Amino acid sequence: MNINIKTFNEWAEDGRDEKMALNHSKSVNRILSIISQKTNKFKAPFSFLDLGCGNGWVIRKISKKYKCEYALGVDGSVNMINNAKKNKIGEFKKVDLENYKFDRKFDIIFSMETFYYLKNINKLFKKIAKDGLNENGILIIGIDHYKENIPSLNWGSDYNLDISTLSTNDWIEKFILNGFKNVEYEYYGTEKDWKGTLILMGQR
């Protein structure tokens, strides 16, 4: 079993998924504000995919608060997906994100703290651009582990995780090289030596 999946299965069993949701809530709220302020996606019914959805808390939030006509959460951890399904809001699937095959397209694809767990990040970017997004759809992601965020650099050894450590420019290049336009980024929640959540958004 993938070491990351094993770790997240354990976290889902001992309740750390709820702590993760709480810790990420401010950054996710900022991401939703960016979508609202800089796009028109929330002004009409839309479809939404959460890559690495954990216990499904963002799917529930989106389904309750916005005009979401279809919300899907996918995750590699069966325990996370089982926790997500307990709330009966949204659709959830256990998938291998590295080899995920899209069977429909979405207006918004979102991800919080997932992409740096992938072995082949470009592979998923390409699939999203080609098969995952409707025309003018957006990919928006939040990342806390990156080169400029010094306190995050020991997470692999501290939490028994296999992660890729990229710079802000590396992430921007991945958006651009894989066909995304109007790429924007910001750091949110900067405090002392904590650089903040790196939020990136690009349009199909």
N, C-alpha and C. Protein backbone atom coordinates (compact mmCIF):
# COMPACT_ATOMS: atom_id res chain seq x y z
N MET A 1 0.85 -1.20 0.00
CA MET A 1 0.00 0.00 0.00
C MET A 1 0.88 1.25 0.00
N ASN A 2 0.49 2.24 -0.77
CA ASN A 2 1.16 3.54 -0.79
C ASN A 2 1.27 4.08 0.64
N ILE A 3 2.47 4.56 1.01
CA ILE A 3 2.69 5.01 2.38
C ILE A 3 1.76 6.16 2.76
N ASN A 4 1.45 7.04 1.79
CA ASN A 4 0.55 8.15 2.08
C ASN A 4 -0.87 7.66 2.36
N ILE A 5 -1.33 6.71 1.55
CA ILE A 5 -2.67 6.16 1.76
C ILE A 5 -2.75 5.47 3.11
N LYS A 6 -1.71 4.73 3.46
CA LYS A 6 -1.67 4.05 4.76
C LYS A 6 -1.79 5.07 5.89
N THR A 7 -1.04 6.16 5.79
CA THR A 7 -1.07 7.20 6.82
C THR A 7 -2.45 7.83 6.92
N PHE A 8 -3.05 8.16 5.77
CA PHE A 8 -4.36 8.81 5.80
C PHE A 8 -5.46 7.87 6.26
N ASN A 9 -5.34 6.59 5.96
CA ASN A 9 -6.29 5.62 6.51
C ASN A 9 -6.24 5.63 8.03
N GLU A 10 -5.03 5.69 8.57
CA GLU A 10 -4.87 5.74 10.03
C GLU A 10 -5.46 7.02 10.60
N TRP A 11 -5.21 8.14 9.93
CA TRP A 11 -5.74 9.42 10.41
C TRP A 11 -7.27 9.43 10.39
N ALA A 12 -7.85 8.84 9.37
CA ALA A 12 -9.32 8.78 9.29
C ALA A 12 -9.89 7.93 10.41
N GLU A 13 -9.17 6.90 10.80
CA GLU A 13 -9.64 6.02 11.87
C GLU A 13 -9.57 6.67 13.23
N ASP A 14 -8.54 7.49 13.46
CA ASP A 14 -8.38 8.05 14.81
C ASP A 14 -8.91 9.48 14.95
N GLY A 15 -9.63 9.97 13.92
CA GLY A 15 -10.30 11.26 14.04
C GLY A 15 -9.49 12.46 13.61
N ARG A 16 -8.27 12.23 13.12
CA ARG A 16 -7.46 13.37 12.71
C ARG A 16 -7.98 14.04 11.43
N ASP A 17 -8.89 13.37 10.73
CA ASP A 17 -9.48 14.00 9.54
C ASP A 17 -10.27 15.24 9.94
N GLU A 18 -10.92 15.22 11.10
CA GLU A 18 -11.68 16.39 11.56
C GLU A 18 -10.73 17.54 11.91
N LYS A 19 -9.60 17.22 12.49
CA LYS A 19 -8.61 18.25 12.82
C LYS A 19 -8.05 18.87 11.55
N MET A 20 -7.81 18.03 10.54
CA MET A 20 -7.32 18.54 9.25
C MET A 20 -8.32 19.51 8.64
N ALA A 21 -9.59 19.15 8.69
CA ALA A 21 -10.63 20.02 8.14
C ALA A 21 -10.64 21.37 8.85
N LEU A 22 -10.54 21.33 10.16
CA LEU A 22 -10.54 22.57 10.95
C LEU A 22 -9.31 23.42 10.61
N ASN A 23 -8.16 22.78 10.51
CA ASN A 23 -6.92 23.52 10.23
C ASN A 23 -6.92 24.16 8.84
N HIS A 24 -7.64 23.56 7.91
CA HIS A 24 -7.65 24.06 6.54
C HIS A 24 -8.83 24.99 6.25
N SER A 25 -9.72 25.16 7.20
CA SER A 25 -10.97 25.86 6.92
C SER A 25 -10.77 27.31 6.47
N LYS A 26 -9.84 28.03 7.08
CA LYS A 26 -9.63 29.43 6.70
C LYS A 26 -9.09 29.54 5.29
N SER A 27 -8.16 28.67 4.94
CA SER A 27 -7.61 28.69 3.59
C SER A 27 -8.66 28.32 2.56
N VAL A 28 -9.49 27.33 2.87
CA VAL A 28 -10.56 26.94 1.95
C VAL A 28 -11.56 28.07 1.79
N ASN A 29 -11.91 28.74 2.88
CA ASN A 29 -12.82 29.89 2.77
C ASN A 29 -12.22 30.97 1.87
N ARG A 30 -10.92 31.17 1.96
CA ARG A 30 -10.26 32.14 1.07
C ARG A 30 -10.35 31.68 -0.39
N ILE A 31 -10.14 30.40 -0.62
CA ILE A 31 -10.25 29.86 -1.98
C ILE A 31 -11.65 30.10 -2.54
N LEU A 32 -12.66 29.84 -1.74
CA LEU A 32 -14.04 30.05 -2.20
C LEU A 32 -14.30 31.53 -2.46
N SER A 33 -13.70 32.40 -1.66
CA SER A 33 -13.83 33.84 -1.90
C SER A 33 -13.18 34.24 -3.21
N ILE A 34 -12.04 33.66 -3.52
CA ILE A 34 -11.37 33.95 -4.79
C ILE A 34 -12.24 33.54 -5.96
N ILE A 35 -12.83 32.35 -5.88
CA ILE A 35 -13.73 31.90 -6.95
C ILE A 35 -14.88 32.88 -7.11
N SER A 36 -15.45 33.32 -6.00
CA SER A 36 -16.58 34.25 -6.03
C SER A 36 -16.20 35.61 -6.58
N GLN A 37 -15.03 36.11 -6.20
CA GLN A 37 -14.61 37.45 -6.57
C GLN A 37 -14.02 37.55 -7.98
N LYS A 38 -13.35 36.49 -8.41
CA LYS A 38 -12.58 36.57 -9.66
C LYS A 38 -13.15 35.76 -10.82
N THR A 39 -14.22 35.01 -10.57
CA THR A 39 -14.87 34.25 -11.64
C THR A 39 -16.39 34.42 -11.50
N ASN A 40 -17.10 33.89 -12.48
CA ASN A 40 -18.56 33.92 -12.42
C ASN A 40 -19.14 32.54 -12.11
N LYS A 41 -18.31 31.64 -11.61
CA LYS A 41 -18.72 30.25 -11.46
C LYS A 41 -19.84 30.04 -10.45
N PHE A 42 -19.92 30.87 -9.45
CA PHE A 42 -20.95 30.68 -8.43
C PHE A 42 -22.27 31.39 -8.77
N LYS A 43 -22.32 32.07 -9.91
CA LYS A 43 -23.51 32.84 -10.25
C LYS A 43 -24.58 32.01 -10.94
N ALA A 44 -24.24 30.83 -11.37
CA ALA A 44 -25.18 29.92 -12.02
C ALA A 44 -24.90 28.51 -11.53
N PRO A 45 -25.81 27.58 -11.75
CA PRO A 45 -25.55 26.20 -11.33
C PRO A 45 -24.24 25.68 -11.91
N PHE A 46 -23.49 24.93 -11.12
CA PHE A 46 -22.17 24.48 -11.53
C PHE A 46 -21.89 23.08 -11.00
N SER A 47 -20.91 22.44 -11.60
CA SER A 47 -20.43 21.13 -11.13
C SER A 47 -19.07 21.32 -10.48
N PHE A 48 -18.78 20.47 -9.50
CA PHE A 48 -17.61 20.68 -8.63
C PHE A 48 -16.97 19.35 -8.30
N LEU A 49 -15.66 19.26 -8.47
CA LEU A 49 -14.90 18.07 -8.11
C LEU A 49 -13.84 18.44 -7.08
N ASP A 50 -13.77 17.66 -6.01
CA ASP A 50 -12.75 17.82 -4.98
C ASP A 50 -11.78 16.64 -5.09
N LEU A 51 -10.55 16.92 -5.52
CA LEU A 51 -9.52 15.90 -5.64
C LEU A 51 -8.78 15.77 -4.31
N GLY A 52 -8.90 14.61 -3.68
CA GLY A 52 -8.33 14.43 -2.35
C GLY A 52 -9.26 15.00 -1.30
N CYS A 53 -10.50 14.53 -1.32
CA CYS A 53 -11.58 15.17 -0.56
C CYS A 53 -11.56 14.86 0.93
N GLY A 54 -10.72 13.89 1.37
CA GLY A 54 -10.73 13.55 2.78
C GLY A 54 -12.10 13.09 3.24
N ASN A 55 -12.58 13.65 4.34
CA ASN A 55 -13.88 13.22 4.87
C ASN A 55 -15.06 13.95 4.24
N GLY A 56 -14.82 14.69 3.17
CA GLY A 56 -15.90 15.28 2.39
C GLY A 56 -16.42 16.61 2.87
N TRP A 57 -15.72 17.25 3.79
CA TRP A 57 -16.26 18.47 4.41
C TRP A 57 -16.41 19.62 3.41
N VAL A 58 -15.54 19.72 2.42
CA VAL A 58 -15.67 20.79 1.43
C VAL A 58 -16.86 20.53 0.51
N ILE A 59 -17.07 19.28 0.15
CA ILE A 59 -18.24 18.92 -0.67
C ILE A 59 -19.53 19.29 0.05
N ARG A 60 -19.59 19.01 1.33
CA ARG A 60 -20.79 19.36 2.09
C ARG A 60 -20.98 20.88 2.14
N LYS A 61 -19.90 21.60 2.32
CA LYS A 61 -19.96 23.06 2.38
C LYS A 61 -20.45 23.63 1.06
N ILE A 62 -19.88 23.15 -0.03
CA ILE A 62 -20.26 23.62 -1.37
C ILE A 62 -21.72 23.29 -1.66
N SER A 63 -22.15 22.10 -1.30
CA SER A 63 -23.51 21.65 -1.60
C SER A 63 -24.55 22.45 -0.84
N LYS A 64 -24.22 22.89 0.37
CA LYS A 64 -25.18 23.61 1.20
C LYS A 64 -25.25 25.10 0.88
N LYS A 65 -24.11 25.69 0.52
CA LYS A 65 -24.00 27.14 0.47
C LYS A 65 -24.17 27.73 -0.93
N TYR A 66 -23.86 26.95 -1.96
CA TYR A 66 -23.81 27.49 -3.32
C TYR A 66 -24.78 26.75 -4.25
N LYS A 67 -24.85 27.22 -5.50
CA LYS A 67 -25.77 26.65 -6.49
C LYS A 67 -25.15 25.44 -7.17
N CYS A 68 -24.64 24.53 -6.39
CA CYS A 68 -23.94 23.38 -6.94
C CYS A 68 -24.95 22.31 -7.36
N GLU A 69 -24.93 21.95 -8.66
CA GLU A 69 -25.87 20.95 -9.15
C GLU A 69 -25.31 19.54 -9.08
N TYR A 70 -23.99 19.44 -9.00
CA TYR A 70 -23.37 18.12 -8.85
C TYR A 70 -22.02 18.29 -8.18
N ALA A 71 -21.79 17.56 -7.09
CA ALA A 71 -20.53 17.64 -6.35
C ALA A 71 -19.99 16.23 -6.14
N LEU A 72 -18.75 16.03 -6.56
CA LEU A 72 -18.09 14.74 -6.42
C LEU A 72 -16.79 14.91 -5.65
N GLY A 73 -16.58 14.06 -4.66
CA GLY A 73 -15.32 14.02 -3.95
C GLY A 73 -14.63 12.69 -4.18
N VAL A 74 -13.34 12.73 -4.50
CA VAL A 74 -12.58 11.50 -4.71
C VAL A 74 -11.34 11.51 -3.82
N ASP A 75 -10.95 10.34 -3.36
CA ASP A 75 -9.80 10.22 -2.47
C ASP A 75 -9.22 8.81 -2.58
N GLY A 76 -7.94 8.68 -2.30
CA GLY A 76 -7.30 7.38 -2.35
C GLY A 76 -7.46 6.56 -1.08
N SER A 77 -7.91 7.19 -0.01
CA SER A 77 -8.06 6.52 1.28
C SER A 77 -9.48 5.99 1.45
N VAL A 78 -9.63 4.69 1.57
CA VAL A 78 -10.95 4.11 1.73
C VAL A 78 -11.58 4.56 3.04
N ASN A 79 -10.79 4.74 4.08
CA ASN A 79 -11.35 5.17 5.36
C ASN A 79 -11.85 6.61 5.29
N MET A 80 -11.14 7.47 4.57
CA MET A 80 -11.61 8.84 4.38
C MET A 80 -12.94 8.83 3.63
N ILE A 81 -13.02 8.04 2.56
CA ILE A 81 -14.25 7.97 1.77
C ILE A 81 -15.40 7.41 2.60
N ASN A 82 -15.14 6.42 3.41
CA ASN A 82 -16.19 5.88 4.28
C ASN A 82 -16.70 6.94 5.24
N ASN A 83 -15.79 7.75 5.79
CA ASN A 83 -16.21 8.84 6.66
C ASN A 83 -17.05 9.86 5.89
N ALA A 84 -16.64 10.15 4.65
CA ALA A 84 -17.36 11.13 3.83
C ALA A 84 -18.79 10.67 3.55
N LYS A 85 -18.96 9.39 3.29
CA LYS A 85 -20.27 8.87 2.91
C LYS A 85 -21.27 8.85 4.07
N LYS A 86 -20.79 8.98 5.29
CA LYS A 86 -21.68 8.94 6.45
C LYS A 86 -22.67 10.09 6.46
N ASN A 87 -22.32 11.21 5.82
CA ASN A 87 -23.16 12.41 5.90
C ASN A 87 -24.22 12.51 4.82
N LYS A 88 -24.18 11.62 3.82
CA LYS A 88 -25.23 11.53 2.80
C LYS A 88 -25.38 12.79 1.96
N ILE A 89 -24.34 13.61 1.91
CA ILE A 89 -24.38 14.82 1.07
C ILE A 89 -23.25 14.74 0.07
N GLY A 90 -23.59 14.81 -1.23
CA GLY A 90 -22.59 14.70 -2.27
C GLY A 90 -22.31 13.24 -2.62
N GLU A 91 -21.53 13.07 -3.68
CA GLU A 91 -21.13 11.74 -4.12
C GLU A 91 -19.63 11.56 -3.84
N PHE A 92 -19.25 10.36 -3.44
CA PHE A 92 -17.85 10.12 -3.09
C PHE A 92 -17.37 8.80 -3.68
N LYS A 93 -16.13 8.81 -4.16
CA LYS A 93 -15.55 7.61 -4.75
C LYS A 93 -14.11 7.43 -4.26
N LYS A 94 -13.76 6.18 -3.98
CA LYS A 94 -12.37 5.84 -3.68
C LYS A 94 -11.68 5.58 -5.01
N VAL A 95 -10.64 6.36 -5.31
CA VAL A 95 -9.95 6.23 -6.60
C VAL A 95 -8.44 6.34 -6.40
N ASP A 96 -7.71 5.91 -7.40
CA ASP A 96 -6.27 6.14 -7.48
C ASP A 96 -6.08 7.45 -8.23
N LEU A 97 -5.73 8.51 -7.53
CA LEU A 97 -5.63 9.81 -8.16
C LEU A 97 -4.58 9.84 -9.26
N GLU A 98 -3.53 9.05 -9.12
CA GLU A 98 -2.48 9.02 -10.13
C GLU A 98 -3.02 8.54 -11.48
N ASN A 99 -4.02 7.66 -11.43
CA ASN A 99 -4.55 7.05 -12.66
C ASN A 99 -6.04 7.30 -12.83
N TYR A 100 -6.51 8.40 -12.27
CA TYR A 100 -7.94 8.70 -12.31
C TYR A 100 -8.41 8.96 -13.73
N LYS A 101 -9.50 8.31 -14.12
CA LYS A 101 -10.08 8.51 -15.45
C LYS A 101 -11.38 9.29 -15.30
N PHE A 102 -11.42 10.46 -15.91
CA PHE A 102 -12.61 11.29 -15.83
C PHE A 102 -13.71 10.71 -16.70
N ASP A 103 -14.92 10.58 -16.14
CA ASP A 103 -16.05 10.13 -16.94
C ASP A 103 -17.03 11.27 -17.20
N ARG A 104 -16.67 12.47 -16.78
CA ARG A 104 -17.44 13.68 -17.07
C ARG A 104 -16.53 14.88 -16.82
N LYS A 105 -17.00 16.06 -17.25
CA LYS A 105 -16.23 17.28 -17.05
C LYS A 105 -16.91 18.17 -16.01
N PHE A 106 -16.13 19.06 -15.42
CA PHE A 106 -16.60 19.89 -14.32
C PHE A 106 -16.33 21.37 -14.62
N ASP A 107 -17.10 22.21 -13.95
CA ASP A 107 -16.87 23.66 -14.05
C ASP A 107 -15.76 24.11 -13.11
N ILE A 108 -15.66 23.46 -11.96
CA ILE A 108 -14.64 23.78 -10.97
C ILE A 108 -13.99 22.48 -10.49
N ILE A 109 -12.68 22.43 -10.56
CA ILE A 109 -11.94 21.35 -9.90
C ILE A 109 -11.08 21.99 -8.82
N PHE A 110 -11.24 21.48 -7.63
CA PHE A 110 -10.64 22.04 -6.42
C PHE A 110 -9.77 20.97 -5.76
N SER A 111 -8.73 21.42 -5.10
CA SER A 111 -7.93 20.49 -4.31
C SER A 111 -7.21 21.24 -3.21
N MET A 112 -7.26 20.70 -2.01
CA MET A 112 -6.56 21.30 -0.88
C MET A 112 -5.59 20.28 -0.31
N GLU A 113 -4.31 20.59 -0.38
CA GLU A 113 -3.28 19.75 0.23
C GLU A 113 -3.26 18.32 -0.32
N THR A 114 -3.21 18.21 -1.64
CA THR A 114 -3.21 16.89 -2.27
C THR A 114 -2.11 16.71 -3.31
N PHE A 115 -1.90 17.70 -4.15
CA PHE A 115 -1.07 17.50 -5.34
C PHE A 115 0.36 17.10 -5.02
N TYR A 116 0.90 17.55 -3.91
CA TYR A 116 2.31 17.21 -3.66
C TYR A 116 2.51 15.78 -3.17
N TYR A 117 1.42 15.04 -2.99
CA TYR A 117 1.53 13.62 -2.67
C TYR A 117 1.69 12.75 -3.92
N LEU A 118 1.49 13.33 -5.09
CA LEU A 118 1.52 12.57 -6.33
C LEU A 118 2.94 12.32 -6.82
N LYS A 119 3.17 11.15 -7.39
CA LYS A 119 4.47 10.84 -7.99
C LYS A 119 4.63 11.59 -9.31
N ASN A 120 3.55 11.61 -10.10
CA ASN A 120 3.59 12.25 -11.42
C ASN A 120 2.55 13.36 -11.45
N ILE A 121 2.94 14.53 -11.00
CA ILE A 121 2.02 15.65 -10.89
C ILE A 121 1.55 16.11 -12.26
N ASN A 122 2.46 16.15 -13.23
CA ASN A 122 2.10 16.61 -14.58
C ASN A 122 1.03 15.73 -15.21
N LYS A 123 1.08 14.44 -14.92
CA LYS A 123 0.11 13.51 -15.49
C LYS A 123 -1.32 13.91 -15.12
N LEU A 124 -1.54 14.25 -13.86
CA LEU A 124 -2.88 14.64 -13.44
C LEU A 124 -3.24 16.01 -13.99
N PHE A 125 -2.29 16.94 -14.02
CA PHE A 125 -2.56 18.26 -14.62
C PHE A 125 -3.04 18.10 -16.06
N LYS A 126 -2.35 17.27 -16.83
CA LYS A 126 -2.71 17.08 -18.24
C LYS A 126 -4.11 16.48 -18.38
N LYS A 127 -4.41 15.49 -17.52
CA LYS A 127 -5.74 14.87 -17.57
C LYS A 127 -6.83 15.88 -17.24
N ILE A 128 -6.57 16.72 -16.25
CA ILE A 128 -7.56 17.73 -15.86
C ILE A 128 -7.82 18.67 -17.03
N ALA A 129 -6.74 19.16 -17.66
CA ALA A 129 -6.89 20.09 -18.76
C ALA A 129 -7.59 19.46 -19.96
N LYS A 130 -7.29 18.20 -20.23
CA LYS A 130 -7.83 17.52 -21.42
C LYS A 130 -9.22 16.94 -21.18
N ASP A 131 -9.41 16.28 -20.05
CA ASP A 131 -10.62 15.50 -19.83
C ASP A 131 -11.47 15.94 -18.65
N GLY A 132 -10.94 16.81 -17.78
CA GLY A 132 -11.64 17.08 -16.53
C GLY A 132 -12.44 18.35 -16.46
N LEU A 133 -12.08 19.34 -17.26
CA LEU A 133 -12.73 20.65 -17.13
C LEU A 133 -13.53 21.02 -18.37
N ASN A 134 -14.69 21.61 -18.13
CA ASN A 134 -15.43 22.23 -19.22
C ASN A 134 -14.66 23.43 -19.75
N GLU A 135 -15.02 23.88 -20.93
CA GLU A 135 -14.37 25.08 -21.48
C GLU A 135 -14.55 26.25 -20.52
N ASN A 136 -13.46 26.94 -20.25
CA ASN A 136 -13.42 28.06 -19.29
C ASN A 136 -13.61 27.60 -17.84
N GLY A 137 -13.56 26.29 -17.62
CA GLY A 137 -13.57 25.80 -16.25
C GLY A 137 -12.29 26.16 -15.53
N ILE A 138 -12.30 26.07 -14.21
CA ILE A 138 -11.11 26.47 -13.44
C ILE A 138 -10.60 25.32 -12.57
N LEU A 139 -9.29 25.31 -12.43
CA LEU A 139 -8.62 24.46 -11.44
C LEU A 139 -8.06 25.39 -10.39
N ILE A 140 -8.41 25.15 -9.13
CA ILE A 140 -7.89 25.98 -8.04
C ILE A 140 -7.43 25.05 -6.92
N ILE A 141 -6.20 25.27 -6.46
CA ILE A 141 -5.62 24.38 -5.46
C ILE A 141 -4.96 25.18 -4.34
N GLY A 142 -4.93 24.56 -3.17
CA GLY A 142 -4.23 25.12 -2.02
C GLY A 142 -3.13 24.17 -1.58
N ILE A 143 -1.95 24.73 -1.30
CA ILE A 143 -0.78 23.92 -0.94
C ILE A 143 -0.07 24.58 0.23
N ASP A 144 0.19 23.81 1.27
CA ASP A 144 0.96 24.32 2.41
C ASP A 144 2.42 23.86 2.39
N HIS A 145 2.68 22.78 1.67
CA HIS A 145 4.05 22.26 1.59
C HIS A 145 4.69 22.69 0.27
N TYR A 146 5.63 23.61 0.35
CA TYR A 146 6.39 24.07 -0.82
C TYR A 146 7.68 24.69 -0.31
N LYS A 147 8.64 24.87 -1.21
CA LYS A 147 10.01 25.21 -0.81
C LYS A 147 10.10 26.47 0.04
N GLU A 148 9.31 27.47 -0.29
CA GLU A 148 9.42 28.74 0.42
C GLU A 148 8.80 28.70 1.81
N ASN A 149 7.99 27.68 2.09
CA ASN A 149 7.33 27.57 3.39
C ASN A 149 8.18 26.67 4.30
N ILE A 150 9.18 27.26 4.91
CA ILE A 150 10.22 26.52 5.62
C ILE A 150 9.68 25.55 6.68
N PRO A 151 8.68 25.94 7.51
CA PRO A 151 8.21 25.00 8.54
C PRO A 151 7.61 23.71 7.99
N SER A 152 7.26 23.70 6.70
CA SER A 152 6.63 22.51 6.12
C SER A 152 7.64 21.50 5.57
N LEU A 153 8.91 21.86 5.53
CA LEU A 153 9.87 21.05 4.79
C LEU A 153 10.21 19.72 5.45
N ASN A 154 9.91 19.56 6.73
CA ASN A 154 10.17 18.29 7.42
C ASN A 154 8.95 17.39 7.51
N TRP A 155 7.86 17.75 6.85
CA TRP A 155 6.63 16.99 7.00
C TRP A 155 6.77 15.54 6.57
N GLY A 156 7.57 15.29 5.53
CA GLY A 156 7.72 13.91 5.07
C GLY A 156 8.19 12.98 6.17
N SER A 157 9.26 13.38 6.85
CA SER A 157 9.80 12.54 7.93
C SER A 157 8.97 12.64 9.20
N ASP A 158 8.42 13.82 9.48
CA ASP A 158 7.64 14.00 10.71
C ASP A 158 6.35 13.20 10.72
N TYR A 159 5.71 13.09 9.54
CA TYR A 159 4.37 12.48 9.48
C TYR A 159 4.32 11.19 8.67
N ASN A 160 5.50 10.65 8.31
CA ASN A 160 5.55 9.40 7.56
C ASN A 160 4.83 9.53 6.22
N LEU A 161 5.26 10.51 5.43
CA LEU A 161 4.65 10.81 4.14
C LEU A 161 5.71 10.86 3.05
N ASP A 162 5.28 10.51 1.84
CA ASP A 162 6.14 10.60 0.65
C ASP A 162 5.64 11.78 -0.17
N ILE A 163 6.37 12.89 -0.17
CA ILE A 163 5.87 14.12 -0.77
C ILE A 163 6.90 14.77 -1.69
N SER A 164 6.38 15.54 -2.66
CA SER A 164 7.23 16.29 -3.59
C SER A 164 7.32 17.73 -3.12
N THR A 165 8.54 18.25 -3.07
CA THR A 165 8.75 19.61 -2.60
C THR A 165 9.11 20.51 -3.77
N LEU A 166 8.17 21.35 -4.18
CA LEU A 166 8.35 22.24 -5.32
C LEU A 166 8.30 23.69 -4.86
N SER A 167 8.85 24.57 -5.67
CA SER A 167 8.79 26.00 -5.38
C SER A 167 7.50 26.59 -5.95
N THR A 168 7.22 27.81 -5.57
CA THR A 168 6.06 28.52 -6.13
C THR A 168 6.17 28.58 -7.64
N ASN A 169 7.34 28.93 -8.16
CA ASN A 169 7.52 29.01 -9.61
C ASN A 169 7.32 27.66 -10.29
N ASP A 170 7.73 26.59 -9.63
CA ASP A 170 7.50 25.24 -10.17
C ASP A 170 6.00 24.98 -10.36
N TRP A 171 5.21 25.35 -9.36
CA TRP A 171 3.77 25.13 -9.44
C TRP A 171 3.14 26.00 -10.53
N ILE A 172 3.56 27.24 -10.63
CA ILE A 172 3.04 28.12 -11.68
C ILE A 172 3.35 27.53 -13.06
N GLU A 173 4.57 27.04 -13.24
CA GLU A 173 4.97 26.45 -14.52
C GLU A 173 4.13 25.23 -14.86
N LYS A 174 3.76 24.44 -13.87
CA LYS A 174 2.94 23.26 -14.13
C LYS A 174 1.57 23.66 -14.67
N PHE A 175 1.00 24.72 -14.13
CA PHE A 175 -0.26 25.22 -14.67
C PHE A 175 -0.08 25.64 -16.13
N ILE A 176 0.91 26.46 -16.39
CA ILE A 176 1.10 27.04 -17.72
C ILE A 176 1.48 25.98 -18.75
N LEU A 177 2.44 25.12 -18.42
CA LEU A 177 2.91 24.11 -19.38
C LEU A 177 1.85 23.08 -19.71
N ASN A 178 0.87 22.92 -18.84
CA ASN A 178 -0.20 21.95 -19.09
C ASN A 178 -1.47 22.59 -19.64
N GLY A 179 -1.34 23.81 -20.16
CA GLY A 179 -2.41 24.40 -20.94
C GLY A 179 -3.37 25.31 -20.22
N PHE A 180 -3.05 25.71 -19.00
CA PHE A 180 -3.93 26.62 -18.27
C PHE A 180 -3.57 28.07 -18.57
N LYS A 181 -4.58 28.91 -18.61
CA LYS A 181 -4.37 30.33 -18.88
C LYS A 181 -4.84 31.15 -17.68
N ASN A 182 -4.52 32.44 -17.72
CA ASN A 182 -4.93 33.36 -16.65
C ASN A 182 -4.54 32.81 -15.26
N VAL A 183 -3.32 32.31 -15.17
CA VAL A 183 -2.85 31.70 -13.92
C VAL A 183 -2.55 32.79 -12.89
N GLU A 184 -3.12 32.63 -11.71
CA GLU A 184 -2.92 33.57 -10.61
C GLU A 184 -2.51 32.79 -9.36
N TYR A 185 -1.83 33.49 -8.46
CA TYR A 185 -1.47 32.85 -7.19
C TYR A 185 -1.40 33.89 -6.09
N GLU A 186 -1.51 33.41 -4.87
CA GLU A 186 -1.30 34.27 -3.70
C GLU A 186 -0.91 33.39 -2.52
N TYR A 187 -0.33 34.03 -1.52
CA TYR A 187 -0.06 33.37 -0.24
C TYR A 187 -1.11 33.86 0.74
N TYR A 188 -1.73 32.92 1.43
CA TYR A 188 -2.78 33.30 2.38
C TYR A 188 -2.42 32.79 3.78
N GLY A 189 -2.57 33.67 4.76
CA GLY A 189 -2.34 33.28 6.14
C GLY A 189 -0.89 33.37 6.57
N THR A 190 -0.12 34.25 5.92
CA THR A 190 1.29 34.41 6.28
C THR A 190 1.42 34.92 7.71
N GLU A 191 2.30 34.27 8.48
CA GLU A 191 2.50 34.66 9.87
C GLU A 191 3.88 34.21 10.34
N LYS A 192 4.73 35.19 10.68
CA LYS A 192 6.11 34.91 11.11
C LYS A 192 6.82 34.08 10.04
N ASP A 193 7.37 32.91 10.41
CA ASP A 193 8.11 32.13 9.42
C ASP A 193 7.20 31.24 8.58
N TRP A 194 5.90 31.23 8.88
CA TRP A 194 4.92 30.46 8.09
C TRP A 194 4.53 31.30 6.88
N LYS A 195 4.92 30.83 5.68
CA LYS A 195 4.68 31.60 4.45
C LYS A 195 3.21 31.67 4.10
N GLY A 196 2.45 30.68 4.53
CA GLY A 196 1.02 30.66 4.26
C GLY A 196 0.64 29.60 3.24
N THR A 197 -0.65 29.47 3.02
CA THR A 197 -1.14 28.56 1.99
C THR A 197 -0.89 29.19 0.62
N LEU A 198 -0.24 28.43 -0.25
CA LEU A 198 -0.06 28.86 -1.63
C LEU A 198 -1.32 28.47 -2.39
N ILE A 199 -2.04 29.46 -2.86
CA ILE A 199 -3.27 29.23 -3.62
C ILE A 199 -3.00 29.57 -5.08
N LEU A 200 -3.29 28.63 -5.97
CA LEU A 200 -3.08 28.83 -7.40
C LEU A 200 -4.37 28.54 -8.15
N MET A 201 -4.66 29.35 -9.16
CA MET A 201 -5.85 29.15 -9.97
C MET A 201 -5.51 29.35 -11.44
N GLY A 202 -6.04 28.48 -12.28
CA GLY A 202 -5.87 28.60 -13.72
C GLY A 202 -7.15 28.24 -14.44
N GLN A 203 -7.30 28.76 -15.64
CA GLN A 203 -8.52 28.55 -16.42
C GLN A 203 -8.22 27.64 -17.61
N ARG A 204 -9.16 26.78 -17.93
CA ARG A 204 -9.04 25.86 -19.07
C ARG A 204 -9.12 26.64 -20.37
